[in-house]
N, C-alpha and C. Protein backbone atom coordinates (compact mmCIF):
# COMPACT_ATOMS: atom_id res chain seq x y z
N MET A 1 24.43 -3.50 14.55
CA MET A 1 25.48 -3.66 13.58
C MET A 1 25.18 -2.83 12.35
N SER A 2 26.21 -2.46 11.65
CA SER A 2 26.09 -1.60 10.48
C SER A 2 26.10 -2.44 9.21
N VAL A 3 25.14 -2.17 8.33
CA VAL A 3 25.00 -2.91 7.08
C VAL A 3 24.92 -1.91 5.94
N LYS A 4 25.57 -2.24 4.82
CA LYS A 4 25.54 -1.36 3.64
C LYS A 4 24.22 -1.54 2.90
N ILE A 5 23.62 -0.41 2.53
CA ILE A 5 22.38 -0.43 1.76
C ILE A 5 22.60 0.35 0.48
N ARG A 6 22.28 -0.28 -0.64
CA ARG A 6 22.37 0.38 -1.95
C ARG A 6 21.03 1.05 -2.25
N ILE A 7 21.13 2.31 -2.65
CA ILE A 7 19.94 3.10 -2.95
C ILE A 7 19.85 3.30 -4.46
N PRO A 8 18.71 2.97 -5.08
CA PRO A 8 18.59 3.16 -6.53
C PRO A 8 18.52 4.65 -6.88
N THR A 9 18.92 4.97 -8.09
CA THR A 9 18.97 6.36 -8.54
C THR A 9 17.66 7.12 -8.30
N PRO A 10 16.48 6.56 -8.59
CA PRO A 10 15.24 7.33 -8.37
C PRO A 10 14.99 7.72 -6.91
N LEU A 11 15.58 7.00 -5.96
CA LEU A 11 15.37 7.30 -4.53
C LEU A 11 16.50 8.12 -3.92
N GLN A 12 17.56 8.37 -4.67
CA GLN A 12 18.71 9.08 -4.12
C GLN A 12 18.40 10.53 -3.76
N SER A 13 17.37 11.10 -4.35
CA SER A 13 16.98 12.47 -3.96
C SER A 13 16.50 12.50 -2.51
N ALA A 14 16.05 11.36 -1.99
CA ALA A 14 15.59 11.28 -0.60
C ALA A 14 16.72 10.94 0.36
N THR A 15 17.91 10.60 -0.18
CA THR A 15 19.05 10.24 0.67
C THR A 15 20.23 11.18 0.42
N GLU A 16 19.92 12.43 0.09
CA GLU A 16 20.96 13.44 -0.15
C GLU A 16 21.93 12.99 -1.24
N GLN A 17 21.39 12.37 -2.29
CA GLN A 17 22.14 11.92 -3.47
C GLN A 17 23.14 10.80 -3.18
N GLN A 18 22.97 10.11 -2.08
CA GLN A 18 23.88 9.01 -1.75
C GLN A 18 23.40 7.71 -2.40
N ALA A 19 24.31 7.02 -3.06
CA ALA A 19 24.00 5.75 -3.70
C ALA A 19 24.14 4.58 -2.73
N GLU A 20 24.95 4.77 -1.69
CA GLU A 20 25.14 3.75 -0.66
C GLU A 20 25.14 4.44 0.70
N VAL A 21 24.44 3.83 1.64
CA VAL A 21 24.42 4.34 3.01
C VAL A 21 24.59 3.17 3.96
N GLN A 22 25.02 3.46 5.16
CA GLN A 22 25.13 2.45 6.21
C GLN A 22 23.91 2.62 7.11
N ALA A 23 23.35 1.51 7.55
CA ALA A 23 22.22 1.55 8.47
C ALA A 23 22.48 0.54 9.58
N GLU A 24 21.86 0.79 10.73
CA GLU A 24 22.02 -0.05 11.91
C GLU A 24 20.77 -0.89 12.13
N GLY A 25 20.97 -2.15 12.51
CA GLY A 25 19.83 -2.98 12.85
C GLY A 25 20.16 -4.46 12.80
N ALA A 26 19.27 -5.25 13.38
CA ALA A 26 19.44 -6.70 13.41
C ALA A 26 18.59 -7.40 12.35
N THR A 27 17.60 -6.68 11.81
CA THR A 27 16.73 -7.23 10.77
C THR A 27 16.60 -6.22 9.64
N VAL A 28 16.08 -6.67 8.51
CA VAL A 28 15.85 -5.76 7.39
C VAL A 28 14.91 -4.63 7.83
N GLY A 29 13.88 -4.95 8.59
CA GLY A 29 12.96 -3.92 9.08
C GLY A 29 13.65 -2.88 9.95
N ASP A 30 14.57 -3.33 10.80
CA ASP A 30 15.34 -2.39 11.63
C ASP A 30 16.17 -1.46 10.76
N LEU A 31 16.79 -2.02 9.72
CA LEU A 31 17.60 -1.20 8.81
C LEU A 31 16.74 -0.15 8.12
N LEU A 32 15.56 -0.56 7.65
CA LEU A 32 14.67 0.38 6.99
C LEU A 32 14.21 1.47 7.95
N SER A 33 13.89 1.09 9.18
CA SER A 33 13.48 2.08 10.19
C SER A 33 14.59 3.08 10.46
N ASP A 34 15.83 2.60 10.54
CA ASP A 34 16.98 3.49 10.74
C ASP A 34 17.10 4.45 9.57
N LEU A 35 16.99 3.93 8.36
CA LEU A 35 17.07 4.79 7.17
C LEU A 35 15.96 5.84 7.17
N GLU A 36 14.74 5.40 7.46
CA GLU A 36 13.59 6.31 7.44
C GLU A 36 13.70 7.38 8.50
N SER A 37 14.33 7.08 9.63
CA SER A 37 14.50 8.11 10.67
C SER A 37 15.57 9.11 10.27
N ARG A 38 16.59 8.67 9.55
CA ARG A 38 17.66 9.56 9.12
C ARG A 38 17.31 10.34 7.86
N PHE A 39 16.47 9.75 7.01
CA PHE A 39 16.06 10.37 5.75
C PHE A 39 14.53 10.34 5.67
N PRO A 40 13.84 11.22 6.40
CA PRO A 40 12.37 11.18 6.46
C PRO A 40 11.66 11.15 5.10
N PRO A 41 12.14 11.85 4.06
CA PRO A 41 11.44 11.77 2.77
C PRO A 41 11.41 10.35 2.18
N LEU A 42 12.34 9.52 2.60
CA LEU A 42 12.41 8.16 2.07
C LEU A 42 11.21 7.32 2.50
N LYS A 43 10.70 7.56 3.69
CA LYS A 43 9.59 6.75 4.20
C LYS A 43 8.38 6.82 3.27
N ALA A 44 8.02 8.01 2.82
CA ALA A 44 6.86 8.15 1.93
C ALA A 44 7.08 7.47 0.59
N ARG A 45 8.33 7.36 0.19
CA ARG A 45 8.64 6.72 -1.09
C ARG A 45 8.61 5.19 -0.97
N LEU A 46 8.91 4.67 0.23
CA LEU A 46 8.98 3.23 0.44
C LEU A 46 7.67 2.62 0.94
N ARG A 47 6.91 3.38 1.73
CA ARG A 47 5.75 2.80 2.41
C ARG A 47 4.44 3.49 2.01
N ASP A 48 3.36 2.71 2.08
CA ASP A 48 2.04 3.28 1.82
C ASP A 48 1.49 3.90 3.11
N ASP A 49 0.26 4.38 3.06
CA ASP A 49 -0.34 5.06 4.22
C ASP A 49 -0.50 4.15 5.43
N SER A 50 -0.58 2.84 5.20
CA SER A 50 -0.73 1.91 6.32
C SER A 50 0.62 1.47 6.89
N GLY A 51 1.72 1.95 6.30
CA GLY A 51 3.05 1.62 6.80
C GLY A 51 3.68 0.39 6.17
N LYS A 52 2.98 -0.22 5.22
CA LYS A 52 3.53 -1.40 4.55
C LYS A 52 4.39 -0.96 3.37
N LEU A 53 5.39 -1.80 3.05
CA LEU A 53 6.21 -1.51 1.87
C LEU A 53 5.31 -1.47 0.64
N ARG A 54 5.54 -0.49 -0.20
CA ARG A 54 4.76 -0.40 -1.44
C ARG A 54 5.04 -1.63 -2.29
N ARG A 55 4.02 -2.06 -3.04
CA ARG A 55 4.14 -3.29 -3.83
C ARG A 55 5.26 -3.24 -4.86
N PHE A 56 5.53 -2.06 -5.38
CA PHE A 56 6.55 -1.94 -6.43
C PHE A 56 7.96 -1.75 -5.87
N ILE A 57 8.10 -1.73 -4.54
CA ILE A 57 9.42 -1.62 -3.91
C ILE A 57 9.94 -3.03 -3.62
N ASN A 58 11.10 -3.33 -4.15
CA ASN A 58 11.73 -4.63 -3.91
C ASN A 58 12.96 -4.42 -3.04
N ILE A 59 13.08 -5.24 -2.02
CA ILE A 59 14.23 -5.20 -1.12
C ILE A 59 14.96 -6.54 -1.25
N TYR A 60 16.26 -6.46 -1.49
CA TYR A 60 17.06 -7.67 -1.65
C TYR A 60 18.13 -7.74 -0.58
N LEU A 61 18.31 -8.91 -0.02
CA LEU A 61 19.39 -9.18 0.92
C LEU A 61 20.34 -10.13 0.21
N ASN A 62 21.53 -9.61 -0.11
CA ASN A 62 22.51 -10.43 -0.86
C ASN A 62 21.88 -11.04 -2.11
N ASP A 63 21.17 -10.22 -2.88
CA ASP A 63 20.54 -10.62 -4.15
C ASP A 63 19.34 -11.55 -4.00
N GLU A 64 18.87 -11.78 -2.78
CA GLU A 64 17.69 -12.62 -2.54
C GLU A 64 16.54 -11.72 -2.10
N ASP A 65 15.41 -11.80 -2.82
CA ASP A 65 14.24 -10.99 -2.50
C ASP A 65 13.74 -11.36 -1.10
N ILE A 66 13.58 -10.36 -0.22
CA ILE A 66 13.17 -10.65 1.16
C ILE A 66 11.78 -11.26 1.24
N ARG A 67 10.97 -11.11 0.19
CA ARG A 67 9.64 -11.72 0.19
C ARG A 67 9.74 -13.25 0.23
N PHE A 68 10.87 -13.78 -0.24
CA PHE A 68 11.07 -15.23 -0.23
C PHE A 68 11.87 -15.67 0.99
N LEU A 69 12.19 -14.73 1.85
CA LEU A 69 12.88 -15.02 3.10
C LEU A 69 11.88 -14.80 4.23
N GLU A 70 12.16 -13.86 5.13
CA GLU A 70 11.25 -13.57 6.23
C GLU A 70 10.75 -12.13 6.17
N ASN A 71 10.64 -11.60 4.95
CA ASN A 71 10.23 -10.21 4.75
C ASN A 71 11.08 -9.28 5.63
N GLU A 72 10.44 -8.33 6.28
CA GLU A 72 11.19 -7.36 7.08
C GLU A 72 11.79 -7.97 8.34
N ALA A 73 11.34 -9.15 8.73
CA ALA A 73 11.89 -9.83 9.91
C ALA A 73 13.16 -10.61 9.58
N THR A 74 13.59 -10.57 8.34
CA THR A 74 14.80 -11.29 7.92
C THR A 74 16.01 -10.76 8.69
N PRO A 75 16.72 -11.63 9.40
CA PRO A 75 17.90 -11.17 10.14
C PRO A 75 19.05 -10.82 9.19
N VAL A 76 19.88 -9.88 9.62
CA VAL A 76 21.05 -9.47 8.84
C VAL A 76 22.31 -9.59 9.68
N LYS A 77 23.43 -9.71 8.99
CA LYS A 77 24.73 -9.68 9.66
C LYS A 77 25.60 -8.64 8.97
N GLU A 78 26.68 -8.27 9.60
CA GLU A 78 27.49 -7.15 9.14
C GLU A 78 28.02 -7.33 7.72
N SER A 79 28.27 -8.54 7.30
CA SER A 79 28.81 -8.77 5.95
C SER A 79 27.73 -8.73 4.87
N ASP A 80 26.46 -8.60 5.26
CA ASP A 80 25.36 -8.57 4.30
C ASP A 80 25.31 -7.25 3.55
N GLU A 81 24.63 -7.30 2.40
CA GLU A 81 24.37 -6.10 1.62
C GLU A 81 22.89 -6.09 1.24
N VAL A 82 22.25 -4.96 1.46
CA VAL A 82 20.84 -4.80 1.15
C VAL A 82 20.72 -3.85 -0.03
N SER A 83 19.86 -4.20 -0.98
CA SER A 83 19.59 -3.34 -2.13
C SER A 83 18.11 -3.05 -2.19
N ILE A 84 17.79 -1.80 -2.49
CA ILE A 84 16.39 -1.41 -2.67
C ILE A 84 16.14 -1.31 -4.16
């Protein structure tokens, strides 16, 4: 399913200046993987060398921090909105 992802201004250089993109996946992690495959420079900005999200990167699902949900395993539905 396709979910809207909002990209903050500092990361838009890695998404061809797009402030919003659509990504496919059933979980937040799937969405991020889809984004990283379509916009390879984004991966280095979001993840450290071990592949974990950088500590200063916050991901929100409908304004709720995913750290208080199921992190990257948090399921998404088409009406959801993800913000980085």
